Amino acid sequence: MSLQEAFFGICKDAIPAKSYYVSLYLNQSFYGGPEEGGWWGSDTVLIAYQQFPTEEAAQTAREAVEKLASELNTQSRREFGEQCQREMEWLEARGLDADYLPEVDGEDSYFVAVEDNAGEQAHRGNRFFE
């Protein structure tokens, strides 16, 4: 018999301990290398999280944080485009081909998750061509 089962045997109206986490993640793109014409990957980084006692409360918070993530994605796209534009203008002013600069990593993106444990979706991307 598990500890939890023993506890519920004594306390018939016990409530299992359960938490929900609203987590904000960043997908950071990276250029892996020139193999097979070039390849990209991404790291998923946990930026912040908050614990909630109920799934309903977590879902309500998720909706608000998704608005933030959407704003961050819009900003990221704009900043990535502006950086690419600056690089192209720099190359053009010097009469250089686009291949003169290293490949760009790509724009970052944000997303929100409701999880049983904060950080479940974080991972480091593969740095080797497969």
N, C-alpha and C. Protein backbone atom coordinates (compact mmCIF):
# COMPACT_ATOMS: atom_id res chain seq x y z
N MET A 1 0.85 -1.17 0.00
CA MET A 1 0.00 0.00 0.00
C MET A 1 0.90 1.25 0.00
N SER A 2 0.55 2.22 -0.85
CA SER A 2 1.34 3.45 -0.92
C SER A 2 1.02 4.35 0.26
N LEU A 3 1.88 5.30 0.49
CA LEU A 3 1.68 6.27 1.56
C LEU A 3 0.38 7.04 1.34
N GLN A 4 0.13 7.44 0.09
CA GLN A 4 -1.09 8.18 -0.20
C GLN A 4 -2.33 7.32 0.06
N GLU A 5 -2.30 6.06 -0.34
CA GLU A 5 -3.43 5.16 -0.08
C GLU A 5 -3.65 4.99 1.42
N ALA A 6 -2.59 4.88 2.19
CA ALA A 6 -2.71 4.75 3.64
C ALA A 6 -3.33 6.00 4.25
N PHE A 7 -2.91 7.15 3.76
CA PHE A 7 -3.46 8.42 4.24
C PHE A 7 -4.95 8.50 3.94
N PHE A 8 -5.33 8.16 2.70
CA PHE A 8 -6.74 8.20 2.32
C PHE A 8 -7.57 7.16 3.09
N GLY A 9 -6.92 6.10 3.54
CA GLY A 9 -7.61 5.12 4.37
C GLY A 9 -8.00 5.68 5.72
N ILE A 10 -7.18 6.59 6.23
CA ILE A 10 -7.45 7.22 7.52
C ILE A 10 -8.35 8.45 7.34
N CYS A 11 -7.99 9.27 6.36
CA CYS A 11 -8.73 10.53 6.11
C CYS A 11 -9.58 10.34 4.86
N LYS A 12 -10.80 9.94 5.06
CA LYS A 12 -11.67 9.55 3.94
C LYS A 12 -11.98 10.70 2.99
N ASP A 13 -11.98 11.94 3.47
CA ASP A 13 -12.31 13.09 2.62
C ASP A 13 -11.06 13.86 2.17
N ALA A 14 -9.92 13.23 2.24
CA ALA A 14 -8.67 13.90 1.86
C ALA A 14 -8.69 14.28 0.39
N ILE A 15 -7.99 15.33 0.09
CA ILE A 15 -7.89 15.82 -1.28
C ILE A 15 -6.44 15.64 -1.73
N PRO A 16 -6.23 14.99 -2.87
CA PRO A 16 -4.85 14.81 -3.35
C PRO A 16 -4.19 16.17 -3.60
N ALA A 17 -2.92 16.27 -3.22
CA ALA A 17 -2.16 17.49 -3.48
C ALA A 17 -1.94 17.62 -4.98
N LYS A 18 -2.37 18.72 -5.53
CA LYS A 18 -2.24 18.94 -6.97
C LYS A 18 -2.02 20.42 -7.21
N SER A 19 -1.10 20.75 -8.06
CA SER A 19 -0.85 22.13 -8.46
C SER A 19 -0.81 22.20 -9.97
N TYR A 20 -1.05 23.39 -10.46
CA TYR A 20 -0.97 23.67 -11.90
C TYR A 20 -0.03 24.85 -12.06
N TYR A 21 0.81 24.78 -13.06
CA TYR A 21 1.78 25.84 -13.31
C TYR A 21 1.51 26.46 -14.67
N VAL A 22 1.47 27.79 -14.68
CA VAL A 22 1.43 28.53 -15.94
C VAL A 22 2.86 28.93 -16.22
N SER A 23 3.38 28.47 -17.35
CA SER A 23 4.79 28.68 -17.69
C SER A 23 4.92 29.45 -18.99
N LEU A 24 5.82 30.42 -19.01
CA LEU A 24 6.15 31.17 -20.22
C LEU A 24 7.49 30.66 -20.73
N TYR A 25 7.51 30.26 -22.00
CA TYR A 25 8.70 29.70 -22.62
C TYR A 25 9.19 30.57 -23.77
N LEU A 26 10.48 30.47 -24.03
CA LEU A 26 11.12 31.11 -25.17
C LEU A 26 11.73 30.02 -26.04
N ASN A 27 11.37 30.02 -27.32
CA ASN A 27 12.04 29.17 -28.30
C ASN A 27 13.13 30.01 -28.94
N GLN A 28 14.38 29.65 -28.69
CA GLN A 28 15.52 30.36 -29.27
C GLN A 28 16.04 29.55 -30.44
N SER A 29 15.93 30.11 -31.62
CA SER A 29 16.40 29.44 -32.83
C SER A 29 17.91 29.56 -32.95
N PHE A 30 18.51 28.54 -33.55
CA PHE A 30 19.95 28.61 -33.83
C PHE A 30 20.23 27.93 -35.16
N TYR A 31 21.27 28.44 -35.83
CA TYR A 31 21.73 27.84 -37.07
C TYR A 31 22.73 26.76 -36.69
N GLY A 32 22.48 25.54 -37.14
CA GLY A 32 23.32 24.41 -36.76
C GLY A 32 24.57 24.27 -37.58
N GLY A 33 24.48 24.54 -38.87
CA GLY A 33 25.66 24.38 -39.70
C GLY A 33 25.30 24.22 -41.16
N PRO A 34 26.30 24.20 -42.04
CA PRO A 34 26.05 24.17 -43.47
C PRO A 34 25.78 22.78 -44.05
N GLU A 35 25.81 21.74 -43.20
CA GLU A 35 25.61 20.39 -43.72
C GLU A 35 24.25 20.28 -44.42
N GLU A 36 24.23 19.57 -45.53
CA GLU A 36 22.99 19.32 -46.28
C GLU A 36 22.24 20.60 -46.60
N GLY A 37 22.95 21.67 -46.89
CA GLY A 37 22.31 22.92 -47.26
C GLY A 37 21.95 23.81 -46.08
N GLY A 38 22.36 23.45 -44.90
CA GLY A 38 22.08 24.25 -43.71
C GLY A 38 20.93 23.68 -42.91
N TRP A 39 21.02 23.78 -41.63
CA TRP A 39 19.94 23.30 -40.77
C TRP A 39 19.85 24.16 -39.52
N TRP A 40 18.68 24.19 -38.97
CA TRP A 40 18.40 25.01 -37.81
C TRP A 40 17.80 24.14 -36.71
N GLY A 41 17.92 24.61 -35.51
CA GLY A 41 17.31 23.95 -34.36
C GLY A 41 16.82 25.01 -33.40
N SER A 42 16.36 24.58 -32.24
CA SER A 42 15.92 25.55 -31.25
C SER A 42 16.07 24.98 -29.84
N ASP A 43 16.30 25.89 -28.92
CA ASP A 43 16.29 25.58 -27.50
C ASP A 43 14.98 26.12 -26.94
N THR A 44 14.36 25.39 -26.04
CA THR A 44 13.16 25.87 -25.37
C THR A 44 13.53 26.17 -23.93
N VAL A 45 13.43 27.45 -23.56
CA VAL A 45 13.90 27.94 -22.27
C VAL A 45 12.70 28.40 -21.44
N LEU A 46 12.63 27.93 -20.20
CA LEU A 46 11.60 28.40 -19.27
C LEU A 46 11.98 29.80 -18.81
N ILE A 47 11.11 30.78 -19.07
CA ILE A 47 11.37 32.17 -18.69
C ILE A 47 10.86 32.45 -17.28
N ALA A 48 9.61 32.04 -17.02
CA ALA A 48 8.99 32.28 -15.72
C ALA A 48 7.79 31.35 -15.56
N TYR A 49 7.37 31.15 -14.31
CA TYR A 49 6.19 30.33 -14.06
C TYR A 49 5.52 30.78 -12.77
N GLN A 50 4.25 30.41 -12.64
CA GLN A 50 3.53 30.65 -11.39
C GLN A 50 2.67 29.44 -11.09
N GLN A 51 2.60 29.08 -9.83
CA GLN A 51 1.81 27.95 -9.38
C GLN A 51 0.39 28.41 -9.05
N PHE A 52 -0.61 27.56 -9.41
CA PHE A 52 -2.01 27.82 -9.12
C PHE A 52 -2.62 26.59 -8.47
N PRO A 53 -3.58 26.79 -7.57
CA PRO A 53 -4.18 25.65 -6.87
C PRO A 53 -5.21 24.89 -7.70
N THR A 54 -5.79 25.54 -8.71
CA THR A 54 -6.81 24.87 -9.53
C THR A 54 -6.50 25.04 -11.00
N GLU A 55 -6.99 24.11 -11.79
CA GLU A 55 -6.80 24.20 -13.23
C GLU A 55 -7.54 25.40 -13.80
N GLU A 56 -8.70 25.71 -13.25
CA GLU A 56 -9.48 26.86 -13.72
C GLU A 56 -8.71 28.16 -13.54
N ALA A 57 -8.10 28.33 -12.38
CA ALA A 57 -7.30 29.53 -12.14
C ALA A 57 -6.11 29.59 -13.08
N ALA A 58 -5.48 28.45 -13.32
CA ALA A 58 -4.33 28.40 -14.23
C ALA A 58 -4.75 28.75 -15.65
N GLN A 59 -5.89 28.24 -16.09
CA GLN A 59 -6.36 28.52 -17.46
C GLN A 59 -6.68 30.01 -17.63
N THR A 60 -7.26 30.62 -16.60
CA THR A 60 -7.55 32.05 -16.66
C THR A 60 -6.25 32.85 -16.78
N ALA A 61 -5.26 32.49 -15.99
CA ALA A 61 -3.96 33.17 -16.06
C ALA A 61 -3.30 32.92 -17.42
N ARG A 62 -3.42 31.69 -17.94
CA ARG A 62 -2.82 31.34 -19.23
C ARG A 62 -3.31 32.29 -20.32
N GLU A 63 -4.62 32.56 -20.32
CA GLU A 63 -5.19 33.44 -21.35
C GLU A 63 -4.54 34.83 -21.31
N ALA A 64 -4.31 35.35 -20.12
CA ALA A 64 -3.67 36.66 -20.00
C ALA A 64 -2.21 36.61 -20.43
N VAL A 65 -1.51 35.55 -20.04
CA VAL A 65 -0.09 35.44 -20.40
C VAL A 65 0.06 35.20 -21.90
N GLU A 66 -0.90 34.54 -22.53
CA GLU A 66 -0.84 34.35 -23.98
C GLU A 66 -0.89 35.69 -24.72
N LYS A 67 -1.58 36.66 -24.18
CA LYS A 67 -1.59 38.00 -24.79
C LYS A 67 -0.18 38.59 -24.73
N LEU A 68 0.48 38.42 -23.59
CA LEU A 68 1.86 38.88 -23.47
C LEU A 68 2.75 38.17 -24.47
N ALA A 69 2.62 36.84 -24.57
CA ALA A 69 3.43 36.07 -25.51
C ALA A 69 3.22 36.54 -26.94
N SER A 70 1.98 36.85 -27.28
CA SER A 70 1.67 37.36 -28.63
C SER A 70 2.38 38.68 -28.89
N GLU A 71 2.36 39.57 -27.91
CA GLU A 71 3.06 40.85 -28.04
C GLU A 71 4.57 40.64 -28.18
N LEU A 72 5.12 39.72 -27.39
CA LEU A 72 6.54 39.42 -27.47
C LEU A 72 6.91 38.83 -28.83
N ASN A 73 6.03 37.98 -29.39
CA ASN A 73 6.29 37.41 -30.72
C ASN A 73 6.27 38.49 -31.79
N THR A 74 5.34 39.42 -31.70
CA THR A 74 5.28 40.53 -32.65
C THR A 74 6.56 41.35 -32.57
N GLN A 75 7.00 41.66 -31.36
CA GLN A 75 8.24 42.42 -31.16
C GLN A 75 9.44 41.65 -31.70
N SER A 76 9.50 40.35 -31.44
CA SER A 76 10.62 39.53 -31.90
C SER A 76 10.70 39.50 -33.42
N ARG A 77 9.55 39.33 -34.07
CA ARG A 77 9.52 39.33 -35.55
C ARG A 77 10.01 40.65 -36.10
N ARG A 78 9.53 41.76 -35.51
CA ARG A 78 9.94 43.08 -35.97
C ARG A 78 11.44 43.28 -35.79
N GLU A 79 11.96 42.94 -34.61
CA GLU A 79 13.38 43.13 -34.34
C GLU A 79 14.24 42.25 -35.24
N PHE A 80 13.79 41.02 -35.51
CA PHE A 80 14.54 40.14 -36.40
C PHE A 80 14.57 40.72 -37.81
N GLY A 81 13.42 41.19 -38.28
CA GLY A 81 13.36 41.80 -39.61
C GLY A 81 14.24 43.04 -39.72
N GLU A 82 14.22 43.86 -38.67
CA GLU A 82 15.05 45.07 -38.67
C GLU A 82 16.53 44.72 -38.69
N GLN A 83 16.93 43.70 -37.94
CA GLN A 83 18.33 43.27 -37.94
C GLN A 83 18.74 42.76 -39.31
N CYS A 84 17.90 41.97 -39.94
CA CYS A 84 18.20 41.46 -41.28
C CYS A 84 18.33 42.62 -42.27
N GLN A 85 17.44 43.60 -42.15
CA GLN A 85 17.49 44.77 -43.03
C GLN A 85 18.79 45.54 -42.85
N ARG A 86 19.20 45.75 -41.58
CA ARG A 86 20.46 46.45 -41.33
C ARG A 86 21.65 45.70 -41.92
N GLU A 87 21.64 44.38 -41.79
CA GLU A 87 22.74 43.59 -42.35
C GLU A 87 22.77 43.66 -43.87
N MET A 88 21.60 43.60 -44.49
CA MET A 88 21.55 43.68 -45.96
C MET A 88 22.02 45.05 -46.44
N GLU A 89 21.62 46.11 -45.75
CA GLU A 89 22.07 47.46 -46.11
C GLU A 89 23.59 47.59 -45.93
N TRP A 90 24.13 47.00 -44.87
CA TRP A 90 25.57 47.04 -44.63
C TRP A 90 26.31 46.33 -45.76
N LEU A 91 25.81 45.16 -46.16
CA LEU A 91 26.44 44.41 -47.26
C LEU A 91 26.36 45.19 -48.57
N GLU A 92 25.18 45.73 -48.84
CA GLU A 92 24.99 46.47 -50.09
C GLU A 92 25.90 47.69 -50.17
N ALA A 93 26.07 48.40 -49.06
CA ALA A 93 26.92 49.59 -49.03
C ALA A 93 28.38 49.24 -49.32
N ARG A 94 28.75 48.00 -49.10
CA ARG A 94 30.12 47.56 -49.32
C ARG A 94 30.28 46.68 -50.56
N GLY A 95 29.18 46.47 -51.26
CA GLY A 95 29.22 45.66 -52.47
C GLY A 95 29.50 44.19 -52.20
N LEU A 96 29.06 43.70 -51.05
CA LEU A 96 29.32 42.31 -50.67
C LEU A 96 28.09 41.44 -50.87
N ASP A 97 28.33 40.15 -51.15
CA ASP A 97 27.23 39.19 -51.27
C ASP A 97 26.71 38.82 -49.89
N ALA A 98 25.49 38.32 -49.85
CA ALA A 98 24.86 37.90 -48.58
C ALA A 98 25.66 36.79 -47.90
N ASP A 99 26.39 35.99 -48.68
CA ASP A 99 27.18 34.90 -48.11
C ASP A 99 28.38 35.39 -47.31
N TYR A 100 28.67 36.68 -47.38
CA TYR A 100 29.80 37.24 -46.65
C TYR A 100 29.60 37.10 -45.14
N LEU A 101 28.37 37.27 -44.68
CA LEU A 101 28.07 37.17 -43.25
C LEU A 101 27.65 35.74 -42.90
N PRO A 102 27.84 35.34 -41.67
CA PRO A 102 27.38 34.00 -41.27
C PRO A 102 25.86 33.93 -41.31
N GLU A 103 25.35 32.71 -41.43
CA GLU A 103 23.90 32.49 -41.44
C GLU A 103 23.30 32.98 -40.12
N VAL A 104 22.13 33.58 -40.22
CA VAL A 104 21.47 34.08 -39.01
C VAL A 104 20.79 32.93 -38.26
N ASP A 105 20.59 33.13 -36.98
CA ASP A 105 19.97 32.10 -36.15
C ASP A 105 18.46 32.03 -36.34
N GLY A 106 17.81 33.10 -36.66
CA GLY A 106 16.35 33.10 -36.80
C GLY A 106 15.72 33.84 -35.63
N GLU A 107 14.45 34.14 -35.80
CA GLU A 107 13.75 34.89 -34.76
C GLU A 107 13.36 34.00 -33.60
N ASP A 108 13.26 34.59 -32.44
CA ASP A 108 12.81 33.88 -31.25
C ASP A 108 11.28 33.92 -31.20
N SER A 109 10.69 32.97 -30.49
CA SER A 109 9.24 32.98 -30.32
C SER A 109 8.90 32.54 -28.89
N TYR A 110 7.73 32.94 -28.44
CA TYR A 110 7.29 32.68 -27.08
C TYR A 110 6.00 31.88 -27.09
N PHE A 111 5.80 31.05 -26.07
CA PHE A 111 4.54 30.35 -25.92
C PHE A 111 4.27 30.08 -24.44
N VAL A 112 3.02 29.75 -24.14
CA VAL A 112 2.57 29.55 -22.77
C VAL A 112 2.04 28.13 -22.64
N ALA A 113 2.27 27.52 -21.48
CA ALA A 113 1.76 26.17 -21.22
C ALA A 113 1.24 26.09 -19.80
N VAL A 114 0.20 25.27 -19.61
CA VAL A 114 -0.25 24.90 -18.27
C VAL A 114 0.29 23.50 -18.04
N GLU A 115 1.04 23.34 -16.94
CA GLU A 115 1.76 22.09 -16.70
C GLU A 115 1.56 21.59 -15.27
N ASP A 116 1.77 20.31 -15.09
CA ASP A 116 1.75 19.73 -13.74
C ASP A 116 3.03 20.09 -12.99
N ASN A 117 4.12 20.25 -13.73
CA ASN A 117 5.42 20.63 -13.16
C ASN A 117 6.03 21.72 -14.04
N ALA A 118 6.45 22.81 -13.42
CA ALA A 118 7.05 23.90 -14.19
C ALA A 118 8.30 23.42 -14.90
N GLY A 119 8.45 23.79 -16.15
CA GLY A 119 9.65 23.47 -16.90
C GLY A 119 9.60 22.17 -17.67
N GLU A 120 8.44 21.53 -17.73
CA GLU A 120 8.33 20.23 -18.42
C GLU A 120 8.72 20.31 -19.89
N GLN A 121 8.52 21.46 -20.51
CA GLN A 121 8.75 21.55 -21.95
C GLN A 121 10.11 22.15 -22.31
N ALA A 122 10.90 22.50 -21.32
CA ALA A 122 12.23 23.05 -21.58
C ALA A 122 13.14 21.97 -22.14
N HIS A 123 13.94 22.33 -23.14
CA HIS A 123 14.93 21.39 -23.67
C HIS A 123 16.00 22.15 -24.47
N ARG A 124 17.12 21.51 -24.59
CA ARG A 124 18.23 22.05 -25.40
C ARG A 124 18.22 21.29 -26.71
N GLY A 125 18.23 22.04 -27.81
CA GLY A 125 18.22 21.44 -29.13
C GLY A 125 19.53 20.75 -29.46
N ASN A 126 19.45 19.83 -30.40
CA ASN A 126 20.62 19.08 -30.86
C ASN A 126 21.54 19.99 -31.66
N ARG A 127 22.81 19.98 -31.31
CA ARG A 127 23.79 20.83 -32.00
C ARG A 127 24.52 20.08 -33.12
N PHE A 128 24.07 18.88 -33.44
CA PHE A 128 24.73 18.09 -34.47
C PHE A 128 23.75 17.73 -35.55
N PHE A 129 24.20 17.74 -36.80
CA PHE A 129 23.35 17.39 -37.92
C PHE A 129 23.01 15.92 -37.85
N GLU A 130 21.73 15.60 -38.02
CA GLU A 130 21.29 14.20 -37.99
C GLU A 130 20.76 13.79 -39.34
